[in-house]
Each structure stands twice: as C-alpha cells, then as structure tokens.
C-alpha cells in the first residue's frame, strides 16, 4: 500500500509519521520564535527608544546609551518572566485536560525561543 508521499506504508510508517510530526513541530516552533522575536524588538523600540531618545541625532549620548541598556534589560527580564509563567500555565492546563505533548505545546506557545 502506498503512503501519501509515495513510499510504502509498512512498519516504517509510524517512524516516518513521527519524523514528520517532529519536523512540523520544529518548523512551527521556529516560526513562533521569529514572531516572538519580532514582537519583542517592536516593543523595545516602542517603549525604550521613544523614552530614551527624545530627539534622534547622528550618535547616541552616553546618557541615551545607558537609558537604552537599562530599559532593554528590564523589558527583557519582564518578557522572560511573563513567558515562563505562560509556559507553566499552558503545561498545567494541558496536563489537567489530559493532553499529550504538553512540553512541546508549551514550547510552541512561546516559539521555543531562547529568551527564557
């Protein structure tokens, strides 16, 4: 019997099915991570740049650099705290509902990003 992708569906089918599932999960995680990174950069620009650099010029003053650095550190720290809390909640809800792959779902929810 032929599978959807032209191979035969024998005992190797579950393995290729698992490989396909894994590849799809990795792709979704990468896409979610990119979306999260873009959102973080947008929020940093929106909050830190506007607050720390009232009149943009040719270069940043040391005061502006310090303000940006402090603002970004605080914002990223808060972002990470919210992400960890969200992952914990998704995991808890998934377990409560008896869902499978709760760790994968939680990771996918945040894009599996290294921002945590």
PDB file of N, CA and C in Angstrom:
ATOM      1  N   UNK A   1       0.847  -1.176   0.000  1.00  0.00           N
ATOM      2  CA  UNK A   1       0.000   0.000   0.000  1.00  0.00           C
ATOM      3  C   UNK A   1       0.888   1.232   0.000  1.00  0.00           C
ATOM      4  N   UNK A   2       0.532   2.245  -0.761  1.00  0.00           N
ATOM      5  CA  UNK A   2       1.323   3.465  -0.905  1.00  0.00           C
ATOM      6  C   UNK A   2       0.881   4.509   0.102  1.00  0.00           C
ATOM      7  N   UNK A   3       1.847   5.247   0.612  1.00  0.00           N
ATOM      8  CA  UNK A   3       1.508   6.347   1.510  1.00  0.00           C
ATOM      9  C   UNK A   3       1.309   7.614   0.687  1.00  0.00           C
ATOM     10  N   UNK A   4       0.924   8.640   1.326  1.00  0.00           N
ATOM     11  CA  UNK A   4       0.666   9.921   0.681  1.00  0.00           C
ATOM     12  C   UNK A   4       1.895  10.470  -0.031  1.00  0.00           C
ATOM     13  N   UNK A   5       3.090  10.164   0.467  1.00  0.00           N
ATOM     14  CA  UNK A   5       4.312  10.709  -0.101  1.00  0.00           C
ATOM     15  C   UNK A   5       5.036   9.729  -1.006  1.00  0.00           C
ATOM     16  N   UNK A   6       4.356   8.695  -1.481  1.00  0.00           N
ATOM     17  CA  UNK A   6       4.928   7.804  -2.468  1.00  0.00           C
ATOM     18  C   UNK A   6       5.647   6.594  -1.909  1.00  0.00           C
ATOM     19  N   UNK A   7       5.889   6.535  -0.629  1.00  0.00           N
ATOM     20  CA  UNK A   7       6.555   5.384  -0.030  1.00  0.00           C
ATOM     21  C   UNK A   7       5.539   4.325   0.311  1.00  0.00           C
ATOM     22  N   UNK A   8       6.021   3.164   0.697  1.00  0.00           N
ATOM     23  CA  UNK A   8       5.083   2.125   1.096  1.00  0.00           C
ATOM     24  C   UNK A   8       4.777   2.280   2.570  1.00  0.00           C
ATOM     25  N   UNK A   9       3.558   1.948   2.936  1.00  0.00           N
ATOM     26  CA  UNK A   9       3.171   2.056   4.336  1.00  0.00           C
ATOM     27  C   UNK A   9       3.305   0.693   4.987  1.00  0.00           C
ATOM     28  N   UNK A  10       4.427   0.466   5.583  1.00  0.00           N
ATOM     29  CA  UNK A  10       4.676  -0.772   6.314  1.00  0.00           C
ATOM     30  C   UNK A  10       4.983  -0.395   7.747  1.00  0.00           C
ATOM     31  N   UNK A  11       5.800  -1.184   8.406  1.00  0.00           N
ATOM     32  CA  UNK A  11       6.136  -0.890   9.792  1.00  0.00           C
ATOM     33  C   UNK A  11       6.955   0.392   9.904  1.00  0.00           C
ATOM     34  N   UNK A  12       7.527   0.890   8.807  1.00  0.00           N
ATOM     35  CA  UNK A  12       8.302   2.123   8.826  1.00  0.00           C
ATOM     36  C   UNK A  12       7.397   3.352   8.864  1.00  0.00           C
ATOM     37  N   UNK A  13       6.116   3.188   8.575  1.00  0.00           N
ATOM     38  CA  UNK A  13       5.201   4.316   8.534  1.00  0.00           C
ATOM     39  C   UNK A  13       5.114   5.059   9.864  1.00  0.00           C
ATOM     40  N   UNK A  14       4.971   4.379  11.008  1.00  0.00           N
ATOM     41  CA  UNK A  14       4.902   5.130  12.256  1.00  0.00           C
ATOM     42  C   UNK A  14       6.170   5.954  12.499  1.00  0.00           C
ATOM     43  N   UNK A  15       7.320   5.412  12.120  1.00  0.00           N
ATOM     44  CA  UNK A  15       8.568   6.142  12.308  1.00  0.00           C
ATOM     45  C   UNK A  15       8.585   7.396  11.443  1.00  0.00           C
ATOM     46  N   UNK A  16       8.214   7.263  10.176  1.00  0.00           N
ATOM     47  CA  UNK A  16       8.212   8.435   9.304  1.00  0.00           C
ATOM     48  C   UNK A  16       7.117   9.406   9.726  1.00  0.00           C
ATOM     49  N   UNK A  17       6.024   8.882  10.258  1.00  0.00           N
ATOM     50  CA  UNK A  17       4.959   9.738  10.757  1.00  0.00           C
ATOM     51  C   UNK A  17       5.461  10.554  11.952  1.00  0.00           C
ATOM     52  N   UNK A  18       6.201   9.904  12.833  1.00  0.00           N
ATOM     53  CA  UNK A  18       6.774  10.607  13.983  1.00  0.00           C
ATOM     54  C   UNK A  18       7.814  11.630  13.527  1.00  0.00           C
ATOM     55  N   UNK A  19       8.598  11.257  12.517  1.00  0.00           N
ATOM     56  CA  UNK A  19       9.595  12.186  11.986  1.00  0.00           C
ATOM     57  C   UNK A  19       8.909  13.399  11.370  1.00  0.00           C
ATOM     58  N   UNK A  20       7.812  13.156  10.650  1.00  0.00           N
ATOM     59  CA  UNK A  20       7.069  14.244  10.028  1.00  0.00           C
ATOM     60  C   UNK A  20       6.478  15.152  11.108  1.00  0.00           C
ATOM     61  N   UNK A  21       5.916  14.540  12.142  1.00  0.00           N
ATOM     62  CA  UNK A  21       5.342  15.312  13.242  1.00  0.00           C
ATOM     63  C   UNK A  21       6.422  16.172  13.895  1.00  0.00           C
ATOM     64  N   UNK A  22       7.583  15.579  14.112  1.00  0.00           N
ATOM     65  CA  UNK A  22       8.702  16.300  14.719  1.00  0.00           C
ATOM     66  C   UNK A  22       9.156  17.459  13.837  1.00  0.00           C
ATOM     67  N   UNK A  23       9.247  17.220  12.536  1.00  0.00           N
ATOM     68  CA  UNK A  23       9.672  18.270  11.604  1.00  0.00           C
ATOM     69  C   UNK A  23       8.665  19.416  11.583  1.00  0.00           C
ATOM     70  N   UNK A  24       7.379  19.085  11.596  1.00  0.00           N
ATOM     71  CA  UNK A  24       6.337  20.114  11.600  1.00  0.00           C
ATOM     72  C   UNK A  24       6.389  20.913  12.895  1.00  0.00           C
ATOM     73  N   UNK A  25       6.567  20.213  14.029  1.00  0.00           N
ATOM     74  CA  UNK A  25       6.660  20.898  15.322  1.00  0.00           C
ATOM     75  C   UNK A  25       7.856  21.847  15.342  1.00  0.00           C
ATOM     76  N   UNK A  26       8.998  21.387  14.805  1.00  0.00           N
ATOM     77  CA  UNK A  26      10.191  22.238  14.778  1.00  0.00           C
ATOM     78  C   UNK A  26       9.959  23.469  13.910  1.00  0.00           C
ATOM     79  N   UNK A  27       9.288  23.280  12.777  1.00  0.00           N
ATOM     80  CA  UNK A  27       9.010  24.409  11.892  1.00  0.00           C
ATOM     81  C   UNK A  27       8.068  25.400  12.574  1.00  0.00           C
ATOM     82  N   UNK A  28       7.039  24.890  13.241  1.00  0.00           N
ATOM     83  CA  UNK A  28       6.110  25.769  13.949  1.00  0.00           C
ATOM     84  C   UNK A  28       6.814  26.516  15.075  1.00  0.00           C
ATOM     85  N   UNK A  29       7.709  25.818  15.786  1.00  0.00           N
ATOM     86  CA  UNK A  29       8.464  26.462  16.860  1.00  0.00           C
ATOM     87  C   UNK A  29       9.352  27.571  16.307  1.00  0.00           C
ATOM     88  N   UNK A  30       9.995  27.311  15.182  1.00  0.00           N
ATOM     89  CA  UNK A  30      10.865  28.321  14.571  1.00  0.00           C
ATOM     90  C   UNK A  30      10.053  29.541  14.137  1.00  0.00           C
ATOM     91  N   UNK A  31       8.886  29.303  13.550  1.00  0.00           N
ATOM     92  CA  UNK A  31       8.035  30.410  13.120  1.00  0.00           C
ATOM     93  C   UNK A  31       7.527  31.207  14.313  1.00  0.00           C
ATOM     94  N   UNK A  32       7.133  30.500  15.381  1.00  0.00           N
ATOM     95  CA  UNK A  32       6.661  31.186  16.584  1.00  0.00           C
ATOM     96  C   UNK A  32       7.795  31.965  17.240  1.00  0.00           C
ATOM     97  N   UNK A  33       9.001  31.401  17.236  1.00  0.00           N
ATOM     98  CA  UNK A  33      10.159  32.101  17.807  1.00  0.00           C
ATOM     99  C   UNK A  33      10.437  33.382  17.029  1.00  0.00           C
ATOM    100  N   UNK A  34      10.341  33.315  15.716  1.00  0.00           N
ATOM    101  CA  UNK A  34      10.569  34.504  14.889  1.00  0.00           C
ATOM    102  C   UNK A  34       9.501  35.557  15.174  1.00  0.00           C
ATOM    103  N   UNK A  35       8.266  35.134  15.302  1.00  0.00           N
ATOM    104  CA  UNK A  35       7.181  36.062  15.615  1.00  0.00           C
ATOM    105  C   UNK A  35       7.412  36.713  16.974  1.00  0.00           C
ATOM    106  N   UNK A  36       7.814  35.905  17.965  1.00  0.00           N
ATOM    107  CA  UNK A  36       8.088  36.444  19.300  1.00  0.00           C
ATOM    108  C   UNK A  36       9.259  37.414  19.283  1.00  0.00           C
ATOM    109  N   UNK A  37      10.301  37.097  18.535  1.00  0.00           N
ATOM    110  CA  UNK A  37      11.465  37.981  18.454  1.00  0.00           C
ATOM    111  C   UNK A  37      11.075  39.311  17.815  1.00  0.00           C
ATOM    112  N   UNK A  38      10.279  39.251  16.765  1.00  0.00           N
ATOM    113  CA  UNK A  38       9.822  40.487  16.112  1.00  0.00           C
ATOM    114  C   UNK A  38       8.972  41.324  17.068  1.00  0.00           C
ATOM    115  N   UNK A  39       8.099  40.650  17.820  1.00  0.00           N
ATOM    116  CA  UNK A  39       7.257  41.363  18.781  1.00  0.00           C
ATOM    117  C   UNK A  39       8.113  42.013  19.864  1.00  0.00           C
ATOM    118  N   UNK A  40       9.115  41.284  20.355  1.00  0.00           N
ATOM    119  CA  UNK A  40       9.999  41.830  21.385  1.00  0.00           C
ATOM    120  C   UNK A  40      10.749  43.050  20.862  1.00  0.00           C
ATOM    121  N   UNK A  41      11.299  42.952  19.672  1.00  0.00           N
ATOM    122  CA  UNK A  41      12.033  44.081  19.087  1.00  0.00           C
ATOM    123  C   UNK A  41      11.100  45.275  18.886  1.00  0.00           C
ATOM    124  N   UNK A  42       9.900  45.009  18.419  1.00  0.00           N
ATOM    125  CA  UNK A  42       8.928  46.090  18.237  1.00  0.00           C
ATOM    126  C   UNK A  42       8.586  46.779  19.546  1.00  0.00           C
ATOM    127  N   UNK A  43       8.380  45.983  20.595  1.00  0.00           N
ATOM    128  CA  UNK A  43       8.060  46.559  21.906  1.00  0.00           C
ATOM    129  C   UNK A  43       9.247  47.322  22.481  1.00  0.00           C
ATOM    130  N   UNK A  44      10.449  46.789  22.288  1.00  0.00           N
ATOM    131  CA  UNK A  44      11.642  47.509  22.756  1.00  0.00           C
ATOM    132  C   UNK A  44      11.754  48.857  22.058  1.00  0.00           C
ATOM    133  N   UNK A  45      11.547  48.859  20.749  1.00  0.00           N
ATOM    134  CA  UNK A  45      11.587  50.124  20.000  1.00  0.00           C
ATOM    135  C   UNK A  45      10.511  51.083  20.492  1.00  0.00           C
ATOM    136  N   UNK A  46       9.317  50.543  20.658  1.00  0.00           N
ATOM    137  CA  UNK A  46       8.188  51.372  21.062  1.00  0.00           C
ATOM    138  C   UNK A  46       8.413  51.986  22.445  1.00  0.00           C
ATOM    139  N   UNK A  47       8.852  51.177  23.397  1.00  0.00           N
ATOM    140  CA  UNK A  47       8.963  51.659  24.772  1.00  0.00           C
ATOM    141  C   UNK A  47      10.311  52.311  25.084  1.00  0.00           C
ATOM    142  N   UNK A  48      11.387  51.670  24.735  1.00  0.00           N
ATOM    143  CA  UNK A  48      12.711  52.161  25.135  1.00  0.00           C
ATOM    144  C   UNK A  48      13.225  53.286  24.245  1.00  0.00           C
ATOM    145  N   UNK A  49      13.125  53.114  22.955  1.00  0.00           N
ATOM    146  CA  UNK A  49      13.663  54.124  22.042  1.00  0.00           C
ATOM    147  C   UNK A  49      12.955  55.455  22.240  1.00  0.00           C
ATOM    148  N   UNK A  50      11.632  55.412  22.280  1.00  0.00           N
ATOM    149  CA  UNK A  50      10.866  56.648  22.425  1.00  0.00           C
ATOM    150  C   UNK A  50      11.113  57.314  23.772  1.00  0.00           C
ATOM    151  N   UNK A  51      11.329  56.507  24.810  1.00  0.00           N
ATOM    152  CA  UNK A  51      11.547  57.063  26.141  1.00  0.00           C
ATOM    153  C   UNK A  51      12.965  57.604  26.313  1.00  0.00           C
ATOM    154  N   UNK A  52      13.940  56.910  25.742  1.00  0.00           N
ATOM    155  CA  UNK A  52      15.343  57.244  25.992  1.00  0.00           C
ATOM    156  C   UNK A  52      15.947  58.219  24.983  1.00  0.00           C
ATOM    157  N   UNK A  53      15.350  58.321  23.809  1.00  0.00           N
ATOM    158  CA  UNK A  53      15.930  59.177  22.765  1.00  0.00           C
ATOM    159  C   UNK A  53      14.855  60.143  22.270  1.00  0.00           C
ATOM    160  N   UNK A  54      14.684  61.258  22.993  1.00  0.00           N
ATOM    161  CA  UNK A  54      13.619  62.199  22.631  1.00  0.00           C
ATOM    162  C   UNK A  54      13.853  62.888  21.284  1.00  0.00           C
ATOM    163  N   UNK A  55      15.114  63.192  20.971  1.00  0.00           N
ATOM    164  CA  UNK A  55      15.434  63.829  19.692  1.00  0.00           C
ATOM    165  C   UNK A  55      16.605  63.091  19.049  1.00  0.00           C
ATOM    166  N   UNK A  56      16.312  62.181  18.109  1.00  0.00           N
ATOM    167  CA  UNK A  56      17.380  61.403  17.473  1.00  0.00           C
ATOM    168  C   UNK A  56      18.384  62.308  16.759  1.00  0.00           C
ATOM    169  N   UNK A  57      19.649  61.921  16.824  1.00  0.00           N
ATOM    170  CA  UNK A  57      20.705  62.670  16.160  1.00  0.00           C
ATOM    171  C   UNK A  57      21.648  61.714  15.452  1.00  0.00           C
ATOM    172  N   UNK A  58      22.851  62.196  15.166  1.00  0.00           N
ATOM    173  CA  UNK A  58      23.846  61.383  14.461  1.00  0.00           C
ATOM    174  C   UNK A  58      24.403  60.258  15.320  1.00  0.00           C
ATOM    175  N   UNK A  59      24.469  60.474  16.629  1.00  0.00           N
ATOM    176  CA  UNK A  59      25.002  59.445  17.527  1.00  0.00           C
ATOM    177  C   UNK A  59      24.272  59.516  18.863  1.00  0.00           C
ATOM    178  N   UNK A  60      24.460  58.481  19.666  1.00  0.00           N
ATOM    179  CA  UNK A  60      23.821  58.428  20.977  1.00  0.00           C
ATOM    180  C   UNK A  60      24.763  58.992  22.033  1.00  0.00           C
ATOM    181  N   UNK A  61      24.195  59.747  22.946  1.00  0.00           N
ATOM    182  CA  UNK A  61      24.996  60.226  24.071  1.00  0.00           C
ATOM    183  C   UNK A  61      25.164  59.074  25.061  1.00  0.00           C
ATOM    184  N   UNK A  62      26.081  59.218  25.985  1.00  0.00           N
ATOM    185  CA  UNK A  62      26.287  58.155  26.983  1.00  0.00           C
ATOM    186  C   UNK A  62      25.039  57.998  27.848  1.00  0.00           C
ATOM    187  N   UNK A  63      24.342  59.096  28.103  1.00  0.00           N
ATOM    188  CA  UNK A  63      23.100  59.039  28.880  1.00  0.00           C
ATOM    189  C   UNK A  63      22.041  58.229  28.121  1.00  0.00           C
ATOM    190  N   UNK A  64      21.931  58.469  26.817  1.00  0.00           N
ATOM    191  CA  UNK A  64      20.962  57.731  25.998  1.00  0.00           C
ATOM    192  C   UNK A  64      21.323  56.247  25.931  1.00  0.00           C
ATOM    193  N   UNK A  65      22.602  55.944  25.764  1.00  0.00           N
ATOM    194  CA  UNK A  65      23.044  54.546  25.729  1.00  0.00           C
ATOM    195  C   UNK A  65      22.727  53.837  27.035  1.00  0.00           C
ATOM    196  N   UNK A  66      23.000  54.513  28.142  1.00  0.00           N
ATOM    197  CA  UNK A  66      22.730  53.936  29.457  1.00  0.00           C
ATOM    198  C   UNK A  66      21.234  53.704  29.650  1.00  0.00           C
ATOM    199  N   UNK A  67      20.438  54.688  29.258  1.00  0.00           N
ATOM    200  CA  UNK A  67      18.981  54.571  29.363  1.00  0.00           C
ATOM    201  C   UNK A  67      18.470  53.397  28.534  1.00  0.00           C
ATOM    202  N   UNK A  68      18.943  53.287  27.291  1.00  0.00           N
ATOM    203  CA  UNK A  68      18.528  52.184  26.418  1.00  0.00           C
ATOM    204  C   UNK A  68      18.909  50.834  27.011  1.00  0.00           C
ATOM    205  N   UNK A  69      20.124  50.731  27.501  1.00  0.00           N
ATOM    206  CA  UNK A  69      20.610  49.477  28.063  1.00  0.00           C
ATOM    207  C   UNK A  69      19.768  49.051  29.264  1.00  0.00           C
ATOM    208  N   UNK A  70      19.528  49.982  30.170  1.00  0.00           N
ATOM    209  CA  UNK A  70      18.734  49.688  31.365  1.00  0.00           C
ATOM    210  C   UNK A  70      17.301  49.321  30.991  1.00  0.00           C
ATOM    211  N   UNK A  71      16.716  50.093  30.103  1.00  0.00           N
ATOM    212  CA  UNK A  71      15.337  49.842  29.672  1.00  0.00           C
ATOM    213  C   UNK A  71      15.208  48.470  29.022  1.00  0.00           C
ATOM    214  N   UNK A  72      16.148  48.148  28.134  1.00  0.00           N
ATOM    215  CA  UNK A  72      16.097  46.859  27.443  1.00  0.00           C
ATOM    216  C   UNK A  72      16.264  45.700  28.419  1.00  0.00           C
ATOM    217  N   UNK A  73      17.179  45.819  29.368  1.00  0.00           N
ATOM    218  CA  UNK A  73      17.383  44.759  30.359  1.00  0.00           C
ATOM    219  C   UNK A  73      16.117  44.521  31.169  1.00  0.00           C
ATOM    220  N   UNK A  74      15.484  45.603  31.614  1.00  0.00           N
ATOM    221  CA  UNK A  74      14.247  45.478  32.393  1.00  0.00           C
ATOM    222  C   UNK A  74      13.135  44.859  31.552  1.00  0.00           C
ATOM    223  N   UNK A  75      13.003  45.331  30.322  1.00  0.00           N
ATOM    224  CA  UNK A  75      11.925  44.842  29.462  1.00  0.00           C
ATOM    225  C   UNK A  75      12.109  43.362  29.138  1.00  0.00           C
ATOM    226  N   UNK A  76      13.341  42.952  28.823  1.00  0.00           N
ATOM    227  CA  UNK A  76      13.608  41.548  28.502  1.00  0.00           C
ATOM    228  C   UNK A  76      13.394  40.672  29.730  1.00  0.00           C
ATOM    229  N   UNK A  77      13.794  41.149  30.898  1.00  0.00           N
ATOM    230  CA  UNK A  77      13.574  40.401  32.134  1.00  0.00           C
ATOM    231  C   UNK A  77      12.079  40.191  32.375  1.00  0.00           C
ATOM    232  N   UNK A  78      11.298  41.239  32.177  1.00  0.00           N
ATOM    233  CA  UNK A  78       9.845  41.136  32.338  1.00  0.00           C
ATOM    234  C   UNK A  78       9.256  40.194  31.296  1.00  0.00           C
ATOM    235  N   UNK A  79       9.720  40.306  30.058  1.00  0.00           N
ATOM    236  CA  UNK A  79       9.267  39.433  28.969  1.00  0.00           C
ATOM    237  C   UNK A  79       9.506  37.968  29.344  1.00  0.00           C
ATOM    238  N   UNK A  80      10.696  37.674  29.867  1.00  0.00           N
ATOM    239  CA  UNK A  80      11.041  36.304  30.252  1.00  0.00           C
ATOM    240  C   UNK A  80      10.169  35.807  31.394  1.00  0.00           C
ATOM    241  N   UNK A  81       9.884  36.659  32.365  1.00  0.00           N
ATOM    242  CA  UNK A  81       9.024  36.275  33.486  1.00  0.00           C
ATOM    243  C   UNK A  81       7.628  35.928  32.984  1.00  0.00           C
ATOM    244  N   UNK A  82       7.091  36.765  32.125  1.00  0.00           N
ATOM    245  CA  UNK A  82       5.759  36.511  31.560  1.00  0.00           C
ATOM    246  C   UNK A  82       5.773  35.219  30.741  1.00  0.00           C
ATOM    247  N   UNK A  83       6.809  35.007  29.949  1.00  0.00           N
ATOM    248  CA  UNK A  83       6.907  33.795  29.125  1.00  0.00           C
ATOM    249  C   UNK A  83       6.959  32.541  29.986  1.00  0.00           C
ATOM    250  N   UNK A  84       7.781  32.557  31.047  1.00  0.00           N
ATOM    251  CA  UNK A  84       7.868  31.388  31.934  1.00  0.00           C
ATOM    252  C   UNK A  84       6.524  31.095  32.585  1.00  0.00           C
ATOM    253  N   UNK A  85       5.837  32.144  33.032  1.00  0.00           N
ATOM    254  CA  UNK A  85       4.532  31.974  33.661  1.00  0.00           C
ATOM    255  C   UNK A  85       3.531  31.404  32.663  1.00  0.00           C
ATOM    256  N   UNK A  86       3.568  31.889  31.438  1.00  0.00           N
ATOM    257  CA  UNK A  86       2.667  31.409  30.398  1.00  0.00           C
ATOM    258  C   UNK A  86       2.931  29.942  30.074  1.00  0.00           C
ATOM    259  N   UNK A  87       4.201  29.572  29.954  1.00  0.00           N
ATOM    260  CA  UNK A  87       4.561  28.178  29.680  1.00  0.00           C
ATOM    261  C   UNK A  87       4.060  27.279  30.800  1.00  0.00           C
ATOM    262  N   UNK A  88       4.249  27.701  32.040  1.00  0.00           N
ATOM    263  CA  UNK A  88       3.795  26.904  33.181  1.00  0.00           C
ATOM    264  C   UNK A  88       2.280  26.730  33.140  1.00  0.00           C
ATOM    265  N   UNK A  89       1.570  27.783  32.793  1.00  0.00           N
ATOM    266  CA  UNK A  89       0.110  27.694  32.746  1.00  0.00           C
ATOM    267  C   UNK A  89      -0.362  26.781  31.614  1.00  0.00           C
ATOM    268  N   UNK A  90       0.246  26.916  30.435  1.00  0.00           N
ATOM    269  CA  UNK A  90      -0.120  26.050  29.311  1.00  0.00           C
ATOM    270  C   UNK A  90       0.151  24.594  29.673  1.00  0.00           C
ATOM    271  N   UNK A  91       1.283  24.343  30.303  1.00  0.00           N
ATOM    272  CA  UNK A  91       1.647  22.986  30.712  1.00  0.00           C
ATOM    273  C   UNK A  91       0.637  22.437  31.712  1.00  0.00           C
ATOM    274  N   UNK A  92       0.305  23.255  32.703  1.00  0.00           N
ATOM    275  CA  UNK A  92      -0.641  22.836  33.741  1.00  0.00           C
ATOM    276  C   UNK A  92      -2.011  22.538  33.134  1.00  0.00           C
ATOM    277  N   UNK A  93      -2.487  23.417  32.269  1.00  0.00           N
ATOM    278  CA  UNK A  93      -3.789  23.215  31.632  1.00  0.00           C
ATOM    279  C   UNK A  93      -3.785  21.979  30.740  1.00  0.00           C
ATOM    280  N   UNK A  94      -2.702  21.771  30.033  1.00  0.00           N
ATOM    281  CA  UNK A  94      -2.600  20.606  29.164  1.00  0.00           C
ATOM    282  C   UNK A  94      -2.655  19.319  29.981  1.00  0.00           C
ATOM    283  N   UNK A  95      -1.931  19.291  31.088  1.00  0.00           N
ATOM    284  CA  UNK A  95      -1.944  18.105  31.952  1.00  0.00           C
ATOM    285  C   UNK A  95      -3.317  17.903  32.567  1.00  0.00           C
ATOM    286  N   UNK A  96      -3.948  19.005  32.966  1.00  0.00           N
ATOM    287  CA  UNK A  96      -5.274  18.928  33.575  1.00  0.00           C
ATOM    288  C   UNK A  96      -6.285  18.353  32.583  1.00  0.00           C
ATOM    289  N   UNK A  97      -6.150  18.722  31.333  1.00  0.00           N
ATOM    290  CA  UNK A  97      -7.068  18.242  30.306  1.00  0.00           C
ATOM    291  C   UNK A  97      -6.646  16.897  29.734  1.00  0.00           C
ATOM    292  N   UNK A  98      -5.528  16.378  30.231  1.00  0.00           N
ATOM    293  CA  UNK A  98      -5.056  15.074  29.771  1.00  0.00           C
ATOM    294  C   UNK A  98      -4.423  15.116  28.405  1.00  0.00           C
ATOM    295  N   UNK A  99      -3.975  16.283  27.986  1.00  0.00           N
ATOM    296  CA  UNK A  99      -3.357  16.416  26.668  1.00  0.00           C
ATOM    297  C   UNK A  99      -1.991  15.776  26.617  1.00  0.00           C
ATOM    298  N   UNK A 100      -1.586  15.404  25.430  1.00  0.00           N
ATOM    299  CA  UNK A 100      -0.267  14.831  25.220  1.00  0.00           C
ATOM    300  C   UNK A 100       0.660  15.922  24.732  1.00  0.00           C
ATOM    301  N   UNK A 101       1.952  15.643  24.816  1.00  0.00           N
ATOM    302  CA  UNK A 101       2.980  16.565  24.340  1.00  0.00           C
ATOM    303  C   UNK A 101       2.857  17.945  24.977  1.00  0.00           C
ATOM    304  N   UNK A 102       2.579  17.988  26.289  1.00  0.00           N
ATOM    305  CA  UNK A 102       2.399  19.278  26.943  1.00  0.00           C
ATOM    306  C   UNK A 102       3.659  20.123  26.889  1.00  0.00           C
ATOM    307  N   UNK A 103       4.818  19.505  26.996  1.00  0.00           N
ATOM    308  CA  UNK A 103       6.064  20.271  26.920  1.00  0.00           C
ATOM    309  C   UNK A 103       6.229  20.863  25.525  1.00  0.00           C
ATOM    310  N   UNK A 104       5.901  20.086  24.508  1.00  0.00           N
ATOM    311  CA  UNK A 104       6.012  20.583  23.135  1.00  0.00           C
ATOM    312  C   UNK A 104       5.019  21.713  22.899  1.00  0.00           C
ATOM    313  N   UNK A 105       3.800  21.566  23.434  1.00  0.00           N
ATOM    314  CA  UNK A 105       2.798  22.614  23.265  1.00  0.00           C
ATOM    315  C   UNK A 105       3.240  23.896  23.957  1.00  0.00           C
ATOM    316  N   UNK A 106       3.783  23.769  25.160  1.00  0.00           N
ATOM    317  CA  UNK A 106       4.233  24.948  25.894  1.00  0.00           C
ATOM    318  C   UNK A 106       5.385  25.617  25.162  1.00  0.00           C
ATOM    319  N   UNK A 107       6.292  24.807  24.647  1.00  0.00           N
ATOM    320  CA  UNK A 107       7.427  25.355  23.912  1.00  0.00           C
ATOM    321  C   UNK A 107       6.950  26.045  22.644  1.00  0.00           C
ATOM    322  N   UNK A 108       5.982  25.433  21.970  1.00  0.00           N
ATOM    323  CA  UNK A 108       5.470  26.020  20.743  1.00  0.00           C
ATOM    324  C   UNK A 108       4.727  27.321  21.044  1.00  0.00           C
ATOM    325  N   UNK A 109       4.052  27.379  22.193  1.00  0.00           N
ATOM    326  CA  UNK A 109       3.300  28.576  22.543  1.00  0.00           C
ATOM    327  C   UNK A 109       4.196  29.794  22.653  1.00  0.00           C
ATOM    328  N   UNK A 110       5.430  29.581  23.041  1.00  0.00           N
ATOM    329  CA  UNK A 110       6.358  30.701  23.154  1.00  0.00           C
ATOM    330  C   UNK A 110       7.377  30.697  22.040  1.00  0.00           C
ATOM    331  N   UNK A 111       7.220  29.798  21.116  1.00  0.00           N
ATOM    332  CA  UNK A 111       8.147  29.750  20.000  1.00  0.00           C
ATOM    333  C   UNK A 111       9.421  29.015  20.300  1.00  0.00           C
ATOM    334  N   UNK A 112       9.502  28.394  21.449  1.00  0.00           N
ATOM    335  CA  UNK A 112      10.720  27.680  21.790  1.00  0.00           C
ATOM    336  C   UNK A 112      11.920  28.601  21.785  1.00  0.00           C
ATOM    337  N   UNK A 113      11.635  29.884  22.020  1.00  0.00           N
ATOM    338  CA  UNK A 113      12.714  30.862  21.922  1.00  0.00           C
ATOM    339  C   UNK A 113      13.705  30.751  23.049  1.00  0.00           C
ATOM    340  N   UNK A 114      14.913  31.220  22.785  1.00  0.00           N
ATOM    341  CA  UNK A 114      15.957  31.198  23.791  1.00  0.00           C
ATOM    342  C   UNK A 114      15.891  32.406  24.704  1.00  0.00           C
ATOM    343  N   UNK A 115      14.765  33.103  24.706  1.00  0.00           N
ATOM    344  CA  UNK A 115      14.649  34.297  25.519  1.00  0.00           C
ATOM    345  C   UNK A 115      14.309  33.992  26.957  1.00  0.00           C
ATOM    346  N   UNK A 116      14.095  32.740  27.254  1.00  0.00           N
ATOM    347  CA  UNK A 116      13.741  32.397  28.626  1.00  0.00           C
ATOM    348  C   UNK A 116      14.933  32.203  29.479  1.00  0.00           C
TER     349      UNK A 116
END
